[in-house]
Amino acid sequence: QLQASGGGLVQAGGSLRLSCTATGRTLTSYVMGWFRQAPGKEREFVAAVSRSGGSPLYAGSVKGRFAISRDNAKDTLYLQMNSLEPEDTAVYSCAASRRTYTTNYASTYDYWGQGTQVTVSS
């Protein structure tokens, strides 16, 4: 089971760091990704990273502002979010894929965690 944490309320221009941990499995075995879903909108890809922590992939809307990383020694996935905008308001979820390549398609992810709410005020 995956669990995301670190969300909260922040003003526009602020920063947050999300974390994702797992119980019952080791994240190092998976490509990991972050997705988000805003009220009334479909889930969208945010970022993904390979098993080793390389080959990061970002959605265009967050590139240059967000950074995905992982600490395999701590078995934890991170999403550093800077220069947050009201449009970033959503529930953010982490997901694990058994693919051998980073992917931005939700259908390629096998395990999903409960999300954490991020609210950016203007």
N, C-alpha and C. Protein backbone atom coordinates (compact mmCIF):
# COMPACT_ATOMS: atom_id res chain seq x y z
N GLN A 1 0.84 -1.19 0.00
CA GLN A 1 0.00 0.00 0.00
C GLN A 1 0.88 1.25 0.00
N LEU A 2 0.52 2.20 -0.84
CA LEU A 2 1.28 3.44 -0.94
C LEU A 2 0.57 4.53 -0.16
N GLN A 3 1.34 5.42 0.41
CA GLN A 3 0.77 6.52 1.17
C GLN A 3 1.51 7.79 0.86
N ALA A 4 0.78 8.78 0.36
CA ALA A 4 1.35 10.09 0.10
C ALA A 4 1.10 11.00 1.30
N SER A 5 2.03 11.89 1.55
CA SER A 5 1.90 12.85 2.64
C SER A 5 2.62 14.14 2.28
N GLY A 6 2.39 15.17 3.10
CA GLY A 6 3.08 16.42 2.90
C GLY A 6 2.25 17.53 2.28
N GLY A 7 1.01 17.23 1.94
CA GLY A 7 0.16 18.26 1.37
C GLY A 7 -0.25 19.29 2.40
N GLY A 8 -0.91 20.32 1.92
CA GLY A 8 -1.37 21.37 2.82
C GLY A 8 -1.83 22.58 2.06
N LEU A 9 -2.01 23.65 2.81
CA LEU A 9 -2.45 24.92 2.24
C LEU A 9 -1.24 25.85 2.15
N VAL A 10 -1.03 26.42 0.98
CA VAL A 10 0.11 27.31 0.77
C VAL A 10 -0.31 28.46 -0.15
N GLN A 11 0.33 29.58 0.02
CA GLN A 11 0.03 30.72 -0.85
C GLN A 11 0.73 30.56 -2.19
N ALA A 12 0.19 31.19 -3.18
CA ALA A 12 0.81 31.17 -4.50
C ALA A 12 2.25 31.66 -4.40
N GLY A 13 3.12 30.95 -5.10
CA GLY A 13 4.55 31.26 -5.03
C GLY A 13 5.29 30.45 -3.99
N GLY A 14 4.56 29.78 -3.14
CA GLY A 14 5.17 28.99 -2.08
C GLY A 14 5.62 27.62 -2.55
N SER A 15 6.09 26.83 -1.59
CA SER A 15 6.64 25.50 -1.88
C SER A 15 6.08 24.46 -0.92
N LEU A 16 6.04 23.24 -1.40
CA LEU A 16 5.70 22.08 -0.59
C LEU A 16 6.53 20.91 -1.06
N ARG A 17 6.79 19.98 -0.17
CA ARG A 17 7.44 18.73 -0.57
C ARG A 17 6.55 17.56 -0.17
N LEU A 18 6.16 16.79 -1.15
CA LEU A 18 5.36 15.60 -0.90
C LEU A 18 6.28 14.39 -0.76
N SER A 19 5.82 13.44 0.03
CA SER A 19 6.54 12.18 0.20
C SER A 19 5.60 11.03 -0.06
N CYS A 20 6.17 9.91 -0.47
CA CYS A 20 5.39 8.70 -0.71
C CYS A 20 6.17 7.52 -0.14
N THR A 21 5.52 6.77 0.72
CA THR A 21 6.13 5.58 1.28
C THR A 21 5.21 4.39 1.05
N ALA A 22 5.71 3.21 1.35
CA ALA A 22 4.92 2.01 1.11
C ALA A 22 4.99 1.06 2.29
N THR A 23 3.94 0.32 2.46
CA THR A 23 3.93 -0.79 3.41
C THR A 23 3.66 -2.07 2.61
N GLY A 24 4.39 -3.09 2.92
CA GLY A 24 4.16 -4.36 2.25
C GLY A 24 4.88 -4.55 0.94
N ARG A 25 5.58 -3.54 0.49
CA ARG A 25 6.36 -3.69 -0.73
C ARG A 25 7.50 -2.70 -0.73
N THR A 26 8.48 -2.94 -1.60
CA THR A 26 9.64 -2.06 -1.69
C THR A 26 9.54 -1.22 -2.93
N LEU A 27 9.62 0.08 -2.76
CA LEU A 27 9.47 0.99 -3.89
C LEU A 27 10.62 0.88 -4.88
N THR A 28 11.77 0.42 -4.45
CA THR A 28 12.93 0.35 -5.32
C THR A 28 12.70 -0.57 -6.52
N SER A 29 11.72 -1.41 -6.44
CA SER A 29 11.45 -2.35 -7.53
C SER A 29 10.60 -1.75 -8.63
N TYR A 30 10.18 -0.50 -8.46
CA TYR A 30 9.20 0.08 -9.36
C TYR A 30 9.62 1.44 -9.92
N VAL A 31 9.18 1.69 -11.12
CA VAL A 31 9.13 3.06 -11.63
C VAL A 31 8.03 3.76 -10.82
N MET A 32 8.30 4.99 -10.41
CA MET A 32 7.35 5.70 -9.56
C MET A 32 6.88 6.97 -10.23
N GLY A 33 5.63 7.30 -9.97
CA GLY A 33 5.07 8.50 -10.56
C GLY A 33 4.17 9.25 -9.60
N TRP A 34 3.94 10.50 -9.93
CA TRP A 34 2.98 11.35 -9.23
C TRP A 34 1.89 11.76 -10.22
N PHE A 35 0.66 11.70 -9.77
CA PHE A 35 -0.49 12.15 -10.53
C PHE A 35 -1.30 13.07 -9.64
N ARG A 36 -2.16 13.87 -10.26
CA ARG A 36 -3.02 14.74 -9.48
C ARG A 36 -4.40 14.80 -10.10
N GLN A 37 -5.37 15.11 -9.26
CA GLN A 37 -6.75 15.27 -9.73
C GLN A 37 -7.39 16.44 -9.02
N ALA A 38 -7.80 17.40 -9.81
CA ALA A 38 -8.49 18.57 -9.29
C ALA A 38 -10.00 18.32 -9.33
N PRO A 39 -10.75 19.02 -8.50
CA PRO A 39 -12.21 18.83 -8.50
C PRO A 39 -12.81 19.04 -9.88
N GLY A 40 -13.61 18.10 -10.32
CA GLY A 40 -14.27 18.22 -11.60
C GLY A 40 -13.40 17.95 -12.81
N LYS A 41 -12.16 17.55 -12.57
CA LYS A 41 -11.25 17.30 -13.69
C LYS A 41 -10.76 15.86 -13.64
N GLU A 42 -10.24 15.42 -14.77
CA GLU A 42 -9.68 14.08 -14.83
C GLU A 42 -8.29 14.06 -14.18
N ARG A 43 -7.91 12.87 -13.78
CA ARG A 43 -6.58 12.69 -13.22
C ARG A 43 -5.53 13.00 -14.30
N GLU A 44 -4.46 13.67 -13.91
CA GLU A 44 -3.43 13.99 -14.87
C GLU A 44 -2.05 13.64 -14.32
N PHE A 45 -1.17 13.31 -15.24
CA PHE A 45 0.20 12.98 -14.91
C PHE A 45 0.95 14.23 -14.47
N VAL A 46 1.83 14.06 -13.47
CA VAL A 46 2.66 15.16 -13.00
C VAL A 46 4.13 14.88 -13.27
N ALA A 47 4.63 13.75 -12.77
CA ALA A 47 6.05 13.44 -12.92
C ALA A 47 6.28 11.96 -12.68
N ALA A 48 7.38 11.45 -13.22
CA ALA A 48 7.77 10.06 -13.01
C ALA A 48 9.28 9.95 -12.96
N VAL A 49 9.75 8.89 -12.33
CA VAL A 49 11.20 8.68 -12.20
C VAL A 49 11.50 7.19 -12.29
N SER A 50 12.66 6.86 -12.82
CA SER A 50 13.04 5.47 -13.00
C SER A 50 13.38 4.82 -11.66
N ARG A 51 13.63 3.53 -11.70
CA ARG A 51 13.96 2.78 -10.49
C ARG A 51 15.23 3.30 -9.83
N SER A 52 16.16 3.76 -10.64
CA SER A 52 17.43 4.24 -10.10
C SER A 52 17.39 5.70 -9.68
N GLY A 53 16.31 6.37 -10.05
CA GLY A 53 16.19 7.80 -9.74
C GLY A 53 16.51 8.69 -10.91
N GLY A 54 16.87 8.12 -12.03
CA GLY A 54 17.18 8.91 -13.21
C GLY A 54 15.98 9.01 -14.13
N SER A 55 16.26 9.56 -15.32
CA SER A 55 15.25 9.69 -16.38
C SER A 55 13.95 10.32 -15.91
N PRO A 56 14.00 11.44 -15.20
CA PRO A 56 12.75 12.07 -14.78
C PRO A 56 11.92 12.55 -15.96
N LEU A 57 10.64 12.43 -15.80
CA LEU A 57 9.68 12.83 -16.82
C LEU A 57 8.68 13.76 -16.16
N TYR A 58 8.37 14.89 -16.84
CA TYR A 58 7.47 15.88 -16.25
C TYR A 58 6.38 16.28 -17.22
N ALA A 59 5.24 16.62 -16.65
CA ALA A 59 4.21 17.27 -17.43
C ALA A 59 4.67 18.68 -17.76
N GLY A 60 4.27 19.17 -18.90
CA GLY A 60 4.70 20.49 -19.31
C GLY A 60 4.30 21.59 -18.34
N SER A 61 3.17 21.39 -17.69
CA SER A 61 2.65 22.42 -16.79
C SER A 61 3.47 22.57 -15.52
N VAL A 62 4.30 21.58 -15.20
CA VAL A 62 5.07 21.65 -13.95
C VAL A 62 6.57 21.67 -14.19
N LYS A 63 6.98 21.47 -15.42
CA LYS A 63 8.41 21.41 -15.72
C LYS A 63 9.08 22.72 -15.35
N GLY A 64 10.19 22.62 -14.65
CA GLY A 64 10.90 23.80 -14.19
C GLY A 64 10.48 24.29 -12.83
N ARG A 65 9.34 23.78 -12.34
CA ARG A 65 8.85 24.18 -11.01
C ARG A 65 8.86 23.01 -10.03
N PHE A 66 8.59 21.83 -10.53
CA PHE A 66 8.53 20.63 -9.69
C PHE A 66 9.74 19.76 -9.95
N ALA A 67 10.15 19.01 -8.94
CA ALA A 67 11.26 18.06 -9.09
C ALA A 67 10.91 16.75 -8.39
N ILE A 68 10.98 15.68 -9.13
CA ILE A 68 10.72 14.35 -8.56
C ILE A 68 12.06 13.72 -8.21
N SER A 69 12.09 13.02 -7.10
CA SER A 69 13.31 12.32 -6.70
C SER A 69 12.92 11.14 -5.82
N ARG A 70 13.89 10.29 -5.59
CA ARG A 70 13.65 9.15 -4.71
C ARG A 70 14.91 8.86 -3.91
N ASP A 71 14.71 8.39 -2.72
CA ASP A 71 15.81 7.95 -1.87
C ASP A 71 15.59 6.47 -1.64
N ASN A 72 16.28 5.66 -2.39
CA ASN A 72 16.06 4.22 -2.30
C ASN A 72 16.53 3.64 -0.97
N ALA A 73 17.48 4.30 -0.34
CA ALA A 73 17.92 3.83 0.98
C ALA A 73 16.79 3.99 2.00
N LYS A 74 15.99 5.05 1.82
CA LYS A 74 14.85 5.29 2.71
C LYS A 74 13.55 4.76 2.13
N ASP A 75 13.65 4.23 0.90
CA ASP A 75 12.46 3.68 0.25
C ASP A 75 11.34 4.72 0.18
N THR A 76 11.71 5.92 -0.22
CA THR A 76 10.77 7.03 -0.23
C THR A 76 10.88 7.79 -1.55
N LEU A 77 9.72 8.21 -2.03
CA LEU A 77 9.60 9.02 -3.23
C LEU A 77 9.23 10.44 -2.81
N TYR A 78 9.76 11.43 -3.53
CA TYR A 78 9.49 12.83 -3.20
C TYR A 78 8.99 13.60 -4.42
N LEU A 79 8.29 14.67 -4.13
CA LEU A 79 7.95 15.64 -5.15
C LEU A 79 8.12 17.02 -4.54
N GLN A 80 9.17 17.72 -4.94
CA GLN A 80 9.41 19.08 -4.49
C GLN A 80 8.66 20.01 -5.42
N MET A 81 7.77 20.79 -4.86
CA MET A 81 6.94 21.69 -5.65
C MET A 81 7.25 23.13 -5.28
N ASN A 82 7.77 23.88 -6.23
CA ASN A 82 8.11 25.28 -6.03
C ASN A 82 7.24 26.17 -6.92
N SER A 83 7.24 27.44 -6.60
CA SER A 83 6.46 28.42 -7.39
C SER A 83 5.04 27.92 -7.63
N LEU A 84 4.41 27.47 -6.58
CA LEU A 84 3.07 26.90 -6.72
C LEU A 84 2.07 27.94 -7.18
N GLU A 85 1.12 27.47 -7.98
CA GLU A 85 0.08 28.32 -8.55
C GLU A 85 -1.28 27.77 -8.13
N PRO A 86 -2.30 28.61 -8.09
CA PRO A 86 -3.64 28.12 -7.74
C PRO A 86 -4.08 26.94 -8.62
N GLU A 87 -3.59 26.91 -9.86
CA GLU A 87 -3.95 25.82 -10.77
C GLU A 87 -3.34 24.48 -10.35
N ASP A 88 -2.41 24.51 -9.42
CA ASP A 88 -1.81 23.27 -8.92
C ASP A 88 -2.66 22.62 -7.83
N THR A 89 -3.72 23.28 -7.41
CA THR A 89 -4.60 22.74 -6.39
C THR A 89 -5.22 21.43 -6.86
N ALA A 90 -5.01 20.37 -6.08
CA ALA A 90 -5.49 19.04 -6.45
C ALA A 90 -5.15 18.06 -5.34
N VAL A 91 -5.69 16.87 -5.49
CA VAL A 91 -5.23 15.74 -4.66
C VAL A 91 -4.10 15.07 -5.42
N TYR A 92 -2.97 14.94 -4.78
CA TYR A 92 -1.78 14.34 -5.39
C TYR A 92 -1.62 12.91 -4.89
N SER A 93 -1.42 12.00 -5.82
CA SER A 93 -1.25 10.59 -5.48
C SER A 93 0.03 10.05 -6.09
N CYS A 94 0.65 9.12 -5.39
CA CYS A 94 1.80 8.45 -5.95
C CYS A 94 1.36 7.08 -6.49
N ALA A 95 2.13 6.59 -7.43
CA ALA A 95 1.80 5.32 -8.06
C ALA A 95 3.07 4.58 -8.43
N ALA A 96 2.96 3.25 -8.51
CA ALA A 96 4.11 2.40 -8.81
C ALA A 96 3.83 1.57 -10.05
N SER A 97 4.83 1.51 -10.92
CA SER A 97 4.69 0.76 -12.16
C SER A 97 5.76 -0.33 -12.24
N ARG A 98 5.37 -1.49 -12.77
CA ARG A 98 6.32 -2.58 -12.97
C ARG A 98 7.05 -2.46 -14.31
N ARG A 99 6.73 -1.42 -15.07
CA ARG A 99 7.44 -1.20 -16.33
C ARG A 99 8.92 -0.94 -16.05
N THR A 100 9.72 -1.10 -17.07
CA THR A 100 11.17 -0.87 -16.93
C THR A 100 11.57 0.51 -17.43
N TYR A 101 10.59 1.35 -17.77
CA TYR A 101 10.86 2.68 -18.29
C TYR A 101 9.90 3.66 -17.64
N THR A 102 10.32 4.91 -17.55
CA THR A 102 9.43 5.92 -16.98
C THR A 102 8.27 6.15 -17.95
N THR A 103 7.10 6.33 -17.40
CA THR A 103 5.89 6.41 -18.21
C THR A 103 4.93 7.44 -17.62
N ASN A 104 4.20 8.11 -18.50
CA ASN A 104 3.23 9.10 -18.05
C ASN A 104 1.79 8.63 -18.23
N TYR A 105 1.59 7.38 -18.57
CA TYR A 105 0.24 6.86 -18.76
C TYR A 105 -0.25 6.19 -17.48
N ALA A 106 -1.36 6.67 -16.97
CA ALA A 106 -1.90 6.11 -15.73
C ALA A 106 -2.17 4.62 -15.85
N SER A 107 -2.52 4.17 -17.04
CA SER A 107 -2.86 2.75 -17.23
C SER A 107 -1.64 1.84 -17.08
N THR A 108 -0.45 2.40 -17.10
CA THR A 108 0.77 1.59 -16.96
C THR A 108 1.22 1.47 -15.51
N TYR A 109 0.49 2.09 -14.61
CA TYR A 109 0.82 2.01 -13.19
C TYR A 109 -0.05 0.94 -12.53
N ASP A 110 0.60 0.15 -11.69
CA ASP A 110 -0.06 -1.02 -11.13
C ASP A 110 -0.59 -0.81 -9.72
N TYR A 111 0.03 0.08 -8.98
CA TYR A 111 -0.37 0.29 -7.60
C TYR A 111 -0.52 1.79 -7.35
N TRP A 112 -1.55 2.11 -6.60
CA TRP A 112 -1.86 3.51 -6.32
C TRP A 112 -2.04 3.71 -4.83
N GLY A 113 -1.67 4.90 -4.38
CA GLY A 113 -1.82 5.22 -2.99
C GLY A 113 -2.93 6.22 -2.76
N GLN A 114 -3.26 6.37 -1.52
CA GLN A 114 -4.19 7.44 -1.15
C GLN A 114 -3.50 8.77 -1.35
N GLY A 115 -4.24 9.74 -1.76
CA GLY A 115 -3.65 11.02 -2.09
C GLY A 115 -3.53 11.95 -0.90
N THR A 116 -2.86 13.06 -1.16
CA THR A 116 -2.74 14.13 -0.18
C THR A 116 -3.19 15.43 -0.85
N GLN A 117 -3.94 16.22 -0.12
CA GLN A 117 -4.53 17.43 -0.69
C GLN A 117 -3.51 18.57 -0.70
N VAL A 118 -3.39 19.20 -1.84
CA VAL A 118 -2.58 20.41 -1.98
C VAL A 118 -3.51 21.54 -2.40
N THR A 119 -3.53 22.60 -1.62
CA THR A 119 -4.37 23.75 -1.93
C THR A 119 -3.49 24.99 -1.99
N VAL A 120 -3.56 25.68 -3.12
CA VAL A 120 -2.75 26.87 -3.33
C VAL A 120 -3.70 28.06 -3.41
N SER A 121 -3.54 29.00 -2.51
CA SER A 121 -4.41 30.17 -2.49
C SER A 121 -3.76 31.31 -3.27
N SER A 122 -4.61 32.13 -3.86
CA SER A 122 -4.10 33.24 -4.67
C SER A 122 -3.90 34.49 -3.84
